[in-house]
N, C-alpha and C. Protein backbone atom coordinates (compact mmCIF):
# COMPACT_ATOMS: atom_id res chain seq x y z
N MET A 1 -30.19 -19.10 34.43
CA MET A 1 -28.91 -19.63 34.01
C MET A 1 -29.00 -20.24 32.62
N SER A 2 -30.12 -20.93 32.36
CA SER A 2 -30.28 -21.56 31.06
C SER A 2 -30.37 -20.52 29.94
N ASN A 3 -31.00 -19.37 30.24
CA ASN A 3 -31.10 -18.30 29.24
C ASN A 3 -29.73 -17.76 28.88
N ILE A 4 -28.86 -17.60 29.90
CA ILE A 4 -27.50 -17.13 29.65
C ILE A 4 -26.75 -18.12 28.78
N SER A 5 -26.90 -19.41 29.08
CA SER A 5 -26.22 -20.45 28.30
C SER A 5 -26.69 -20.43 26.86
N GLN A 6 -28.01 -20.26 26.67
CA GLN A 6 -28.54 -20.21 25.31
C GLN A 6 -28.01 -19.01 24.55
N GLN A 7 -27.90 -17.86 25.25
CA GLN A 7 -27.37 -16.67 24.60
C GLN A 7 -25.92 -16.87 24.20
N MET A 8 -25.14 -17.50 25.10
CA MET A 8 -23.73 -17.76 24.78
C MET A 8 -23.61 -18.71 23.62
N ASP A 9 -24.48 -19.75 23.59
CA ASP A 9 -24.43 -20.72 22.50
C ASP A 9 -24.81 -20.08 21.17
N SER A 10 -25.69 -19.07 21.22
CA SER A 10 -26.16 -18.45 19.98
C SER A 10 -25.22 -17.35 19.48
N THR A 11 -24.23 -16.97 20.30
CA THR A 11 -23.29 -15.94 19.87
C THR A 11 -22.41 -16.48 18.75
N PRO A 12 -22.37 -15.82 17.61
CA PRO A 12 -21.57 -16.35 16.49
C PRO A 12 -20.08 -16.37 16.82
N LYS A 13 -19.40 -17.37 16.30
CA LYS A 13 -17.96 -17.47 16.51
C LYS A 13 -17.24 -16.34 15.76
N PRO A 14 -16.14 -15.87 16.31
CA PRO A 14 -15.30 -14.94 15.53
C PRO A 14 -14.79 -15.65 14.28
N ARG A 15 -14.87 -14.97 13.16
CA ARG A 15 -14.35 -15.51 11.90
C ARG A 15 -13.14 -14.66 11.54
N VAL A 16 -11.96 -15.22 11.76
CA VAL A 16 -10.71 -14.47 11.70
C VAL A 16 -9.96 -14.74 10.41
N ALA A 17 -9.54 -13.66 9.74
CA ALA A 17 -8.65 -13.76 8.58
C ALA A 17 -7.34 -13.06 8.94
N VAL A 18 -6.24 -13.73 8.66
CA VAL A 18 -4.92 -13.17 8.93
C VAL A 18 -4.41 -12.49 7.66
N LEU A 19 -3.82 -11.31 7.83
CA LEU A 19 -3.26 -10.57 6.69
C LEU A 19 -1.74 -10.63 6.74
N TYR A 20 -1.11 -10.81 5.57
CA TYR A 20 0.35 -10.73 5.47
C TYR A 20 0.74 -9.52 4.64
N GLN A 21 2.01 -9.22 4.61
CA GLN A 21 2.51 -8.01 3.94
C GLN A 21 2.57 -8.21 2.43
N GLY A 22 1.59 -7.66 1.74
CA GLY A 22 1.60 -7.70 0.29
C GLY A 22 2.01 -6.37 -0.33
N LEU A 23 2.00 -5.31 0.48
CA LEU A 23 2.32 -3.96 0.02
C LEU A 23 3.76 -3.59 0.36
N ASP A 24 4.38 -2.81 -0.52
CA ASP A 24 5.68 -2.22 -0.19
C ASP A 24 5.45 -1.02 0.72
N PRO A 25 6.21 -0.90 1.81
CA PRO A 25 6.06 0.28 2.66
C PRO A 25 6.38 1.54 1.87
N PRO A 26 5.69 2.63 2.14
CA PRO A 26 5.94 3.87 1.40
C PRO A 26 7.23 4.55 1.87
N ILE A 27 7.70 5.49 1.08
CA ILE A 27 8.84 6.32 1.49
C ILE A 27 8.31 7.42 2.40
N ILE A 28 8.84 7.50 3.61
CA ILE A 28 8.39 8.47 4.60
C ILE A 28 9.58 9.33 5.01
N ASN A 29 9.50 10.61 4.75
CA ASN A 29 10.61 11.53 5.03
C ASN A 29 11.92 11.05 4.38
N GLY A 30 11.79 10.54 3.16
CA GLY A 30 12.96 10.09 2.41
C GLY A 30 13.45 8.71 2.79
N ILE A 31 12.78 8.04 3.73
CA ILE A 31 13.25 6.75 4.22
C ILE A 31 12.18 5.69 3.98
N GLN A 32 12.59 4.56 3.41
CA GLN A 32 11.66 3.45 3.18
C GLN A 32 12.04 2.26 4.04
N LYS A 33 11.10 1.78 4.81
CA LYS A 33 11.31 0.59 5.62
C LYS A 33 11.41 -0.62 4.69
N PRO A 34 12.41 -1.48 4.86
CA PRO A 34 12.55 -2.62 3.95
C PRO A 34 11.42 -3.62 4.12
N LYS A 35 10.96 -4.16 3.02
CA LYS A 35 9.91 -5.18 3.07
C LYS A 35 10.53 -6.52 3.42
N LYS A 36 9.88 -7.27 4.29
CA LYS A 36 10.41 -8.58 4.66
C LYS A 36 10.20 -9.56 3.52
N PRO A 37 11.24 -10.31 3.14
CA PRO A 37 11.05 -11.35 2.12
C PRO A 37 9.96 -12.32 2.56
N GLY A 38 8.99 -12.54 1.70
CA GLY A 38 7.88 -13.41 2.07
C GLY A 38 6.74 -12.69 2.76
N GLY A 39 7.00 -11.47 3.23
CA GLY A 39 5.93 -10.65 3.79
C GLY A 39 5.22 -11.24 5.00
N TYR A 40 5.94 -11.98 5.85
CA TYR A 40 5.36 -12.58 7.06
C TYR A 40 4.35 -13.68 6.74
N LEU A 41 4.48 -14.28 5.56
CA LEU A 41 3.64 -15.44 5.24
C LEU A 41 3.86 -16.56 6.25
N ASP A 42 5.12 -16.72 6.70
CA ASP A 42 5.43 -17.81 7.61
C ASP A 42 4.72 -17.65 8.95
N SER A 43 4.87 -16.48 9.57
CA SER A 43 4.22 -16.27 10.86
C SER A 43 2.70 -16.16 10.70
N GLY A 44 2.25 -15.66 9.55
CA GLY A 44 0.81 -15.62 9.29
C GLY A 44 0.21 -17.01 9.27
N ALA A 45 0.93 -17.95 8.66
CA ALA A 45 0.47 -19.33 8.64
C ALA A 45 0.46 -19.92 10.05
N ASP A 46 1.49 -19.58 10.84
CA ASP A 46 1.53 -20.06 12.23
C ASP A 46 0.31 -19.56 13.02
N ILE A 47 0.01 -18.27 12.86
CA ILE A 47 -1.12 -17.69 13.59
C ILE A 47 -2.43 -18.34 13.16
N ALA A 48 -2.65 -18.42 11.85
CA ALA A 48 -3.90 -18.98 11.34
C ALA A 48 -4.06 -20.44 11.74
N TYR A 49 -2.99 -21.21 11.64
CA TYR A 49 -3.08 -22.63 12.02
C TYR A 49 -3.40 -22.77 13.50
N THR A 50 -2.71 -21.99 14.35
CA THR A 50 -2.95 -22.06 15.79
C THR A 50 -4.39 -21.69 16.13
N LEU A 51 -4.89 -20.62 15.50
CA LEU A 51 -6.28 -20.23 15.73
C LEU A 51 -7.25 -21.32 15.28
N SER A 52 -6.90 -22.01 14.21
CA SER A 52 -7.79 -23.04 13.67
C SER A 52 -7.95 -24.22 14.62
N GLN A 53 -7.04 -24.35 15.58
CA GLN A 53 -7.12 -25.45 16.55
C GLN A 53 -8.10 -25.14 17.68
N SER A 54 -8.58 -23.90 17.74
CA SER A 54 -9.53 -23.52 18.78
C SER A 54 -10.96 -23.82 18.33
N PRO A 55 -11.75 -24.48 19.17
CA PRO A 55 -13.14 -24.75 18.79
C PRO A 55 -14.02 -23.50 18.81
N ASP A 56 -13.49 -22.42 19.38
CA ASP A 56 -14.29 -21.20 19.52
C ASP A 56 -14.01 -20.18 18.42
N ILE A 57 -13.13 -20.52 17.48
CA ILE A 57 -12.74 -19.57 16.43
C ILE A 57 -12.82 -20.27 15.07
N GLU A 58 -13.35 -19.57 14.10
CA GLU A 58 -13.34 -20.05 12.72
C GLU A 58 -12.34 -19.22 11.94
N VAL A 59 -11.43 -19.87 11.26
CA VAL A 59 -10.40 -19.17 10.49
C VAL A 59 -10.81 -19.12 9.03
N VAL A 60 -10.76 -17.93 8.45
CA VAL A 60 -11.09 -17.73 7.04
C VAL A 60 -9.79 -17.65 6.26
N CYS A 61 -9.64 -18.48 5.24
CA CYS A 61 -8.40 -18.53 4.46
C CYS A 61 -8.72 -18.42 2.98
N PRO A 62 -7.76 -17.96 2.19
CA PRO A 62 -7.99 -17.86 0.74
C PRO A 62 -8.02 -19.20 0.05
N SER A 63 -7.43 -20.22 0.68
CA SER A 63 -7.34 -21.55 0.07
C SER A 63 -8.13 -22.56 0.89
N ASN A 64 -8.69 -23.55 0.22
CA ASN A 64 -9.36 -24.65 0.91
C ASN A 64 -8.45 -25.86 1.05
N ASP A 65 -7.33 -25.83 0.37
CA ASP A 65 -6.38 -26.94 0.41
C ASP A 65 -5.19 -26.54 1.28
N LEU A 66 -5.39 -26.58 2.58
CA LEU A 66 -4.38 -26.10 3.52
C LEU A 66 -3.55 -27.24 4.08
N LYS A 67 -2.25 -26.98 4.20
CA LYS A 67 -1.34 -27.96 4.78
C LYS A 67 -0.54 -27.28 5.88
N PRO A 68 -0.51 -27.86 7.08
CA PRO A 68 0.24 -27.24 8.18
C PRO A 68 1.71 -27.01 7.88
N GLU A 69 2.28 -27.84 7.02
CA GLU A 69 3.70 -27.71 6.70
C GLU A 69 3.97 -26.72 5.57
N ASP A 70 2.92 -26.14 5.00
CA ASP A 70 3.06 -25.21 3.87
C ASP A 70 2.47 -23.86 4.28
N GLN A 71 3.27 -22.79 4.17
CA GLN A 71 2.79 -21.47 4.60
C GLN A 71 1.81 -20.82 3.63
N ALA A 72 1.72 -21.33 2.43
CA ALA A 72 0.84 -20.73 1.42
C ALA A 72 -0.63 -21.03 1.73
N GLY A 73 -1.48 -20.05 1.44
CA GLY A 73 -2.91 -20.26 1.51
C GLY A 73 -3.57 -19.99 2.84
N TRP A 74 -2.77 -19.67 3.86
CA TRP A 74 -3.34 -19.46 5.19
C TRP A 74 -3.75 -18.00 5.43
N SER A 75 -3.16 -17.07 4.69
CA SER A 75 -3.42 -15.66 4.98
C SER A 75 -3.63 -14.87 3.68
N PHE A 76 -4.23 -13.70 3.84
CA PHE A 76 -4.55 -12.83 2.71
C PHE A 76 -3.53 -11.69 2.62
N PRO A 77 -3.21 -11.22 1.40
CA PRO A 77 -2.34 -10.04 1.29
C PRO A 77 -3.05 -8.81 1.85
N ASP A 78 -2.28 -7.87 2.39
CA ASP A 78 -2.89 -6.68 3.00
C ASP A 78 -3.18 -5.58 1.99
N THR A 79 -3.32 -5.95 0.73
CA THR A 79 -3.78 -5.00 -0.29
C THR A 79 -5.28 -4.77 -0.12
N GLU A 80 -5.80 -3.73 -0.74
CA GLU A 80 -7.24 -3.49 -0.64
C GLU A 80 -8.03 -4.68 -1.17
N ASP A 81 -7.61 -5.22 -2.31
CA ASP A 81 -8.31 -6.37 -2.88
C ASP A 81 -8.20 -7.59 -1.98
N GLY A 82 -7.02 -7.80 -1.39
CA GLY A 82 -6.83 -8.94 -0.51
C GLY A 82 -7.71 -8.85 0.72
N ILE A 83 -7.79 -7.67 1.30
CA ILE A 83 -8.63 -7.46 2.49
C ILE A 83 -10.11 -7.63 2.14
N MET A 84 -10.51 -7.11 0.98
CA MET A 84 -11.90 -7.25 0.56
C MET A 84 -12.24 -8.72 0.30
N GLU A 85 -11.30 -9.48 -0.22
CA GLU A 85 -11.55 -10.91 -0.43
C GLU A 85 -11.83 -11.60 0.91
N ALA A 86 -11.04 -11.24 1.92
CA ALA A 86 -11.25 -11.83 3.25
C ALA A 86 -12.63 -11.47 3.79
N ILE A 87 -13.03 -10.22 3.62
CA ILE A 87 -14.34 -9.77 4.10
C ILE A 87 -15.46 -10.48 3.34
N GLU A 88 -15.30 -10.59 2.03
CA GLU A 88 -16.32 -11.24 1.21
C GLU A 88 -16.45 -12.72 1.51
N LYS A 89 -15.38 -13.31 2.04
CA LYS A 89 -15.43 -14.72 2.45
C LYS A 89 -16.03 -14.88 3.84
N GLY A 90 -16.41 -13.77 4.46
CA GLY A 90 -17.12 -13.84 5.72
C GLY A 90 -16.33 -13.49 6.96
N ALA A 91 -15.10 -13.02 6.81
CA ALA A 91 -14.31 -12.65 7.98
C ALA A 91 -14.94 -11.46 8.69
N ASN A 92 -15.01 -11.54 10.02
CA ASN A 92 -15.45 -10.37 10.80
C ASN A 92 -14.36 -9.87 11.74
N HIS A 93 -13.21 -10.54 11.72
CA HIS A 93 -12.02 -10.07 12.44
C HIS A 93 -10.83 -10.17 11.48
N LEU A 94 -10.04 -9.12 11.38
CA LEU A 94 -8.84 -9.10 10.55
C LEU A 94 -7.63 -8.99 11.46
N TRP A 95 -6.73 -9.97 11.38
CA TRP A 95 -5.50 -9.96 12.17
C TRP A 95 -4.39 -9.42 11.27
N ALA A 96 -3.98 -8.20 11.50
CA ALA A 96 -3.01 -7.54 10.61
C ALA A 96 -1.58 -7.91 11.01
N ASN A 97 -1.12 -9.03 10.50
CA ASN A 97 0.25 -9.49 10.75
C ASN A 97 1.15 -8.90 9.66
N THR A 98 1.30 -7.58 9.68
CA THR A 98 1.97 -6.88 8.58
C THR A 98 2.53 -5.56 9.08
N ILE A 99 3.14 -4.80 8.17
CA ILE A 99 3.66 -3.47 8.47
C ILE A 99 2.58 -2.44 8.14
N LEU A 100 2.26 -1.60 9.10
CA LEU A 100 1.20 -0.62 8.90
C LEU A 100 1.78 0.79 8.76
N PHE A 101 1.00 1.67 8.12
CA PHE A 101 1.41 3.06 7.90
C PHE A 101 0.16 3.87 7.61
N ALA A 102 0.29 5.18 7.61
CA ALA A 102 -0.88 6.06 7.52
C ALA A 102 -1.70 5.85 6.25
N ALA A 103 -1.04 5.52 5.14
CA ALA A 103 -1.74 5.36 3.87
C ALA A 103 -2.18 3.92 3.62
N HIS A 104 -2.11 3.07 4.64
CA HIS A 104 -2.49 1.66 4.47
C HIS A 104 -3.99 1.55 4.20
N PRO A 105 -4.41 0.59 3.37
CA PRO A 105 -5.84 0.43 3.08
C PRO A 105 -6.72 0.28 4.32
N LEU A 106 -6.19 -0.33 5.38
CA LEU A 106 -6.99 -0.44 6.60
C LEU A 106 -7.36 0.93 7.16
N GLN A 107 -6.55 1.93 6.83
CA GLN A 107 -6.78 3.29 7.32
C GLN A 107 -7.55 4.15 6.31
N THR A 108 -7.34 3.90 5.02
CA THR A 108 -7.82 4.85 4.01
C THR A 108 -8.88 4.32 3.05
N SER A 109 -9.05 3.01 2.94
CA SER A 109 -9.92 2.46 1.91
C SER A 109 -11.40 2.72 2.18
N ALA A 110 -12.06 3.35 1.22
CA ALA A 110 -13.51 3.58 1.33
C ALA A 110 -14.28 2.27 1.19
N ARG A 111 -13.77 1.36 0.38
CA ARG A 111 -14.44 0.06 0.21
C ARG A 111 -14.45 -0.72 1.51
N ILE A 112 -13.31 -0.72 2.20
CA ILE A 112 -13.23 -1.44 3.47
C ILE A 112 -14.06 -0.73 4.54
N ALA A 113 -14.07 0.60 4.49
CA ALA A 113 -14.81 1.38 5.49
C ALA A 113 -16.31 1.09 5.46
N GLU A 114 -16.82 0.64 4.32
CA GLU A 114 -18.25 0.30 4.23
C GLU A 114 -18.63 -0.82 5.19
N HIS A 115 -17.63 -1.60 5.62
CA HIS A 115 -17.88 -2.76 6.49
C HIS A 115 -17.43 -2.52 7.92
N GLN A 116 -17.11 -1.27 8.26
CA GLN A 116 -16.48 -0.99 9.55
C GLN A 116 -17.36 -1.33 10.76
N ASP A 117 -18.68 -1.34 10.58
CA ASP A 117 -19.56 -1.61 11.71
C ASP A 117 -19.57 -3.09 12.10
N ARG A 118 -19.12 -3.96 11.22
CA ARG A 118 -19.14 -5.39 11.56
C ARG A 118 -17.76 -6.04 11.56
N ILE A 119 -16.73 -5.25 11.25
CA ILE A 119 -15.38 -5.79 11.19
C ILE A 119 -14.56 -5.27 12.36
N ARG A 120 -13.80 -6.15 12.98
CA ARG A 120 -12.86 -5.76 14.02
C ARG A 120 -11.45 -6.06 13.51
N VAL A 121 -10.53 -5.14 13.79
CA VAL A 121 -9.16 -5.29 13.30
C VAL A 121 -8.21 -5.42 14.49
N LEU A 122 -7.38 -6.44 14.47
CA LEU A 122 -6.39 -6.66 15.51
C LEU A 122 -5.06 -6.10 15.03
N CYS A 123 -4.71 -4.93 15.54
CA CYS A 123 -3.47 -4.30 15.13
C CYS A 123 -3.24 -3.05 15.96
N GLN A 124 -2.06 -2.47 15.80
CA GLN A 124 -1.82 -1.13 16.31
C GLN A 124 -2.32 -0.13 15.27
N GLY A 125 -2.69 1.07 15.72
CA GLY A 125 -3.22 2.05 14.80
C GLY A 125 -2.19 2.45 13.75
N PRO A 126 -2.55 2.41 12.46
CA PRO A 126 -1.59 2.77 11.40
C PRO A 126 -0.97 4.15 11.57
N LEU A 127 -1.74 5.14 12.03
CA LEU A 127 -1.19 6.49 12.21
C LEU A 127 -0.13 6.49 13.30
N ILE A 128 -0.37 5.76 14.38
CA ILE A 128 0.58 5.67 15.48
C ILE A 128 1.84 4.93 15.04
N VAL A 129 1.64 3.83 14.31
CA VAL A 129 2.78 3.02 13.86
C VAL A 129 3.72 3.85 12.99
N GLU A 130 3.15 4.59 12.04
CA GLU A 130 4.00 5.38 11.14
C GLU A 130 4.84 6.39 11.92
N ARG A 131 4.24 7.02 12.91
CA ARG A 131 4.95 8.06 13.65
C ARG A 131 6.06 7.47 14.53
N TYR A 132 5.72 6.40 15.25
CA TYR A 132 6.66 5.88 16.25
C TYR A 132 7.57 4.79 15.70
N ASP A 133 7.44 4.49 14.41
CA ASP A 133 8.35 3.56 13.76
C ASP A 133 9.70 4.22 13.48
N ASP A 134 9.75 5.52 13.61
CA ASP A 134 10.97 6.32 13.38
C ASP A 134 11.79 6.34 14.67
N LYS A 135 12.91 5.60 14.67
CA LYS A 135 13.72 5.48 15.89
C LYS A 135 14.30 6.82 16.34
N GLU A 136 14.66 7.66 15.39
CA GLU A 136 15.20 8.97 15.76
C GLU A 136 14.14 9.81 16.47
N PHE A 137 12.92 9.80 15.96
CA PHE A 137 11.83 10.55 16.58
C PHE A 137 11.57 10.05 18.00
N VAL A 138 11.52 8.72 18.16
CA VAL A 138 11.23 8.15 19.48
C VAL A 138 12.34 8.46 20.46
N ASN A 139 13.60 8.33 20.03
CA ASN A 139 14.72 8.67 20.91
C ASN A 139 14.65 10.12 21.37
N ASP A 140 14.42 11.02 20.42
CA ASP A 140 14.35 12.45 20.76
C ASP A 140 13.17 12.73 21.69
N LEU A 141 12.05 12.06 21.46
CA LEU A 141 10.86 12.25 22.29
C LEU A 141 11.13 11.81 23.73
N LEU A 142 11.71 10.62 23.89
CA LEU A 142 11.97 10.11 25.24
C LEU A 142 12.99 10.98 25.97
N ARG A 143 13.98 11.48 25.24
CA ARG A 143 14.97 12.37 25.88
C ARG A 143 14.30 13.68 26.33
N SER A 144 13.39 14.19 25.52
CA SER A 144 12.74 15.45 25.88
C SER A 144 11.81 15.29 27.08
N ILE A 145 11.22 14.12 27.22
CA ILE A 145 10.33 13.87 28.36
C ILE A 145 11.15 13.72 29.64
N GLY A 146 12.31 13.03 29.51
CA GLY A 146 13.17 12.82 30.67
C GLY A 146 12.67 11.66 31.53
N GLY A 147 13.53 11.23 32.47
CA GLY A 147 13.14 10.15 33.37
C GLY A 147 13.44 8.77 32.84
N PHE A 148 14.02 8.67 31.64
CA PHE A 148 14.35 7.38 31.06
C PHE A 148 15.87 7.23 30.98
N THR A 149 16.35 6.00 31.18
CA THR A 149 17.76 5.72 30.96
C THR A 149 17.95 5.45 29.47
N MET A 150 18.63 6.35 28.79
CA MET A 150 18.75 6.26 27.34
C MET A 150 20.22 6.17 26.94
N PRO A 151 20.55 5.30 26.00
CA PRO A 151 21.92 5.29 25.49
C PRO A 151 22.17 6.53 24.63
N ARG A 152 23.41 6.92 24.52
CA ARG A 152 23.73 8.02 23.60
C ARG A 152 23.46 7.56 22.18
N SER A 153 23.09 8.50 21.33
CA SER A 153 22.81 8.14 19.94
C SER A 153 23.25 9.25 19.02
N TRP A 154 23.54 8.87 17.80
CA TRP A 154 23.96 9.81 16.76
C TRP A 154 23.23 9.44 15.48
N THR A 155 22.97 10.41 14.64
CA THR A 155 22.37 10.16 13.33
C THR A 155 23.37 10.51 12.25
N MET A 156 23.51 9.61 11.29
CA MET A 156 24.39 9.84 10.14
C MET A 156 23.54 9.93 8.88
N ASN A 157 23.82 10.92 8.05
CA ASN A 157 23.16 11.06 6.77
C ASN A 157 24.08 10.61 5.64
N GLU A 158 23.46 10.12 4.58
CA GLU A 158 24.24 9.62 3.44
C GLU A 158 25.20 10.69 2.95
N SER A 159 26.43 10.27 2.69
CA SER A 159 27.49 11.22 2.31
C SER A 159 28.59 10.47 1.57
N PRO A 160 29.28 11.14 0.65
CA PRO A 160 30.44 10.51 -0.01
C PRO A 160 31.65 10.44 0.92
N ASN A 161 31.58 11.14 2.05
CA ASN A 161 32.72 11.20 2.97
C ASN A 161 32.37 10.52 4.29
N VAL A 162 32.02 9.23 4.21
CA VAL A 162 31.55 8.51 5.39
C VAL A 162 32.62 8.47 6.48
N GLU A 163 33.86 8.15 6.09
CA GLU A 163 34.93 8.05 7.09
C GLU A 163 35.14 9.38 7.83
N GLN A 164 35.13 10.47 7.08
CA GLN A 164 35.31 11.78 7.71
C GLN A 164 34.15 12.12 8.65
N ASP A 165 32.94 11.78 8.24
CA ASP A 165 31.78 12.04 9.08
C ASP A 165 31.87 11.25 10.39
N ILE A 166 32.35 10.03 10.30
CA ILE A 166 32.49 9.20 11.50
C ILE A 166 33.53 9.79 12.44
N GLN A 167 34.64 10.24 11.88
CA GLN A 167 35.69 10.82 12.71
C GLN A 167 35.18 12.06 13.45
N LYS A 168 34.36 12.86 12.79
CA LYS A 168 33.83 14.08 13.41
C LYS A 168 32.92 13.77 14.60
N LEU A 169 32.28 12.60 14.57
CA LEU A 169 31.35 12.25 15.65
C LEU A 169 32.08 11.86 16.93
N GLY A 170 33.33 11.39 16.80
CA GLY A 170 34.09 10.98 17.98
C GLY A 170 33.40 9.87 18.76
N LEU A 171 33.01 8.83 18.08
CA LEU A 171 32.21 7.77 18.69
C LEU A 171 33.01 6.90 19.65
N PRO A 172 32.38 6.46 20.75
CA PRO A 172 33.03 5.56 21.70
C PRO A 172 32.78 4.10 21.32
N PHE A 173 33.60 3.54 20.47
CA PHE A 173 33.38 2.17 20.00
C PHE A 173 33.51 1.18 21.15
N PRO A 174 32.77 0.03 21.03
CA PRO A 174 31.88 -0.38 19.94
C PRO A 174 30.54 0.36 19.99
N VAL A 175 29.91 0.47 18.81
CA VAL A 175 28.59 1.09 18.70
C VAL A 175 27.67 0.16 17.90
N VAL A 176 26.38 0.34 18.07
CA VAL A 176 25.38 -0.41 17.30
C VAL A 176 24.82 0.51 16.22
N ALA A 177 24.90 0.09 14.98
CA ALA A 177 24.36 0.88 13.86
C ALA A 177 23.12 0.19 13.32
N LYS A 178 22.10 0.98 13.00
CA LYS A 178 20.84 0.40 12.54
C LYS A 178 20.10 1.41 11.67
N PRO A 179 19.14 0.92 10.84
CA PRO A 179 18.31 1.84 10.06
C PRO A 179 17.39 2.63 10.98
N ILE A 180 17.02 3.84 10.57
CA ILE A 180 16.06 4.62 11.37
C ILE A 180 14.68 3.98 11.32
N ARG A 181 14.30 3.47 10.17
CA ARG A 181 13.05 2.71 10.05
C ARG A 181 13.41 1.29 9.66
N GLY A 182 13.69 0.49 10.67
CA GLY A 182 14.12 -0.88 10.42
C GLY A 182 13.00 -1.88 10.58
N ARG A 183 13.34 -3.13 10.39
CA ARG A 183 12.39 -4.23 10.52
C ARG A 183 13.05 -5.32 11.34
N GLY A 184 12.60 -5.46 12.60
CA GLY A 184 13.21 -6.46 13.46
C GLY A 184 14.69 -6.17 13.63
N SER A 185 15.50 -7.19 13.41
CA SER A 185 16.96 -7.03 13.53
C SER A 185 17.62 -6.72 12.19
N HIS A 186 16.81 -6.48 11.16
CA HIS A 186 17.37 -6.21 9.83
C HIS A 186 18.29 -4.99 9.88
N GLY A 187 19.53 -5.17 9.42
CA GLY A 187 20.46 -4.06 9.33
C GLY A 187 21.12 -3.65 10.63
N VAL A 188 20.84 -4.36 11.72
CA VAL A 188 21.44 -4.03 13.02
C VAL A 188 22.79 -4.72 13.14
N CYS A 189 23.82 -3.96 13.50
CA CYS A 189 25.17 -4.52 13.54
C CYS A 189 26.00 -3.82 14.62
N VAL A 190 26.78 -4.62 15.36
CA VAL A 190 27.75 -4.06 16.30
C VAL A 190 29.03 -3.77 15.54
N CYS A 191 29.46 -2.53 15.55
CA CYS A 191 30.68 -2.11 14.84
C CYS A 191 31.75 -1.77 15.87
N HIS A 192 32.90 -2.42 15.74
CA HIS A 192 33.95 -2.29 16.76
C HIS A 192 34.95 -1.18 16.48
N ASP A 193 34.95 -0.68 15.26
CA ASP A 193 35.86 0.42 14.94
C ASP A 193 35.28 1.23 13.78
N SER A 194 35.96 2.31 13.43
CA SER A 194 35.43 3.22 12.42
C SER A 194 35.33 2.57 11.04
N GLN A 195 36.25 1.65 10.72
CA GLN A 195 36.19 1.00 9.42
C GLN A 195 34.98 0.08 9.32
N GLU A 196 34.73 -0.68 10.38
CA GLU A 196 33.54 -1.54 10.38
C GLU A 196 32.27 -0.70 10.23
N LEU A 197 32.23 0.42 10.93
CA LEU A 197 31.05 1.29 10.85
C LEU A 197 30.91 1.89 9.47
N ALA A 198 32.01 2.31 8.87
CA ALA A 198 31.96 2.89 7.52
C ALA A 198 31.43 1.88 6.51
N ASP A 199 31.92 0.64 6.61
CA ASP A 199 31.47 -0.41 5.68
C ASP A 199 29.99 -0.70 5.87
N HIS A 200 29.59 -0.79 7.13
CA HIS A 200 28.18 -1.10 7.40
C HIS A 200 27.28 0.07 7.02
N ALA A 201 27.74 1.28 7.27
CA ALA A 201 26.95 2.47 6.92
C ALA A 201 26.70 2.52 5.42
N ARG A 202 27.70 2.20 4.63
CA ARG A 202 27.53 2.22 3.18
C ARG A 202 26.46 1.21 2.75
N SER A 203 26.45 0.05 3.39
CA SER A 203 25.44 -0.95 3.04
C SER A 203 24.04 -0.48 3.43
N LEU A 204 23.94 0.20 4.58
CA LEU A 204 22.64 0.72 5.01
C LEU A 204 22.16 1.87 4.14
N PHE A 205 23.10 2.69 3.67
CA PHE A 205 22.73 3.83 2.84
C PHE A 205 22.15 3.40 1.49
N LYS A 206 22.33 2.14 1.11
CA LYS A 206 21.70 1.64 -0.11
C LYS A 206 20.19 1.52 0.06
N GLU A 207 19.74 1.46 1.32
CA GLU A 207 18.31 1.33 1.61
C GLU A 207 17.71 2.59 2.21
N SER A 208 18.54 3.39 2.88
CA SER A 208 18.03 4.53 3.63
C SER A 208 19.04 5.67 3.61
N PRO A 209 18.60 6.91 3.44
CA PRO A 209 19.54 8.04 3.42
C PRO A 209 19.99 8.48 4.81
N ALA A 210 19.45 7.87 5.86
CA ALA A 210 19.84 8.24 7.22
C ALA A 210 19.83 7.00 8.10
N ILE A 211 20.80 6.91 9.02
CA ILE A 211 20.90 5.77 9.93
C ILE A 211 21.22 6.28 11.32
N MET A 212 21.11 5.38 12.30
CA MET A 212 21.48 5.72 13.67
C MET A 212 22.58 4.77 14.14
């Protein structure tokens, strides 16, 4: 029993660095997911602070002057340089509190890959995220599989004739309109008639050429 206790005591603590969104999401199939203002610095600070209260975890931060009431300094940007800084400061776990995609440095960086044998990443796989972040793709996939209760859905593409396109769809108002690659509740709106939908669609088309 004493040997087990000694082994547990000698096991190094996880050294966790939290990543926030420092990169702009890429354009995928003509659609760009909007970047969150602040890039999740707020929730990144919450995660890092909460982890720092655990005696079993060491939190690695870019700043030594940390204040619980200030979100700055608790997390690293998810750029290649930001991630490398976290690793060079001794992090062996990276908490990716950010938007991931196939070309993200966590997936593609050769510099980061040099440390893959000693680094663990807490996140969903970037390749999976990019594919299933597309609401139209996921809706079509679930419908093709069958067995799911799915709401009806329609896709609208950017057009100078928004009102006419809406009339052709024959929608049963009210409907919920949202970006195909959205972020949380960003851009989600209940539209009670065709005029509300037309106005909201125009605002969404400023960010994305297709909406649902």
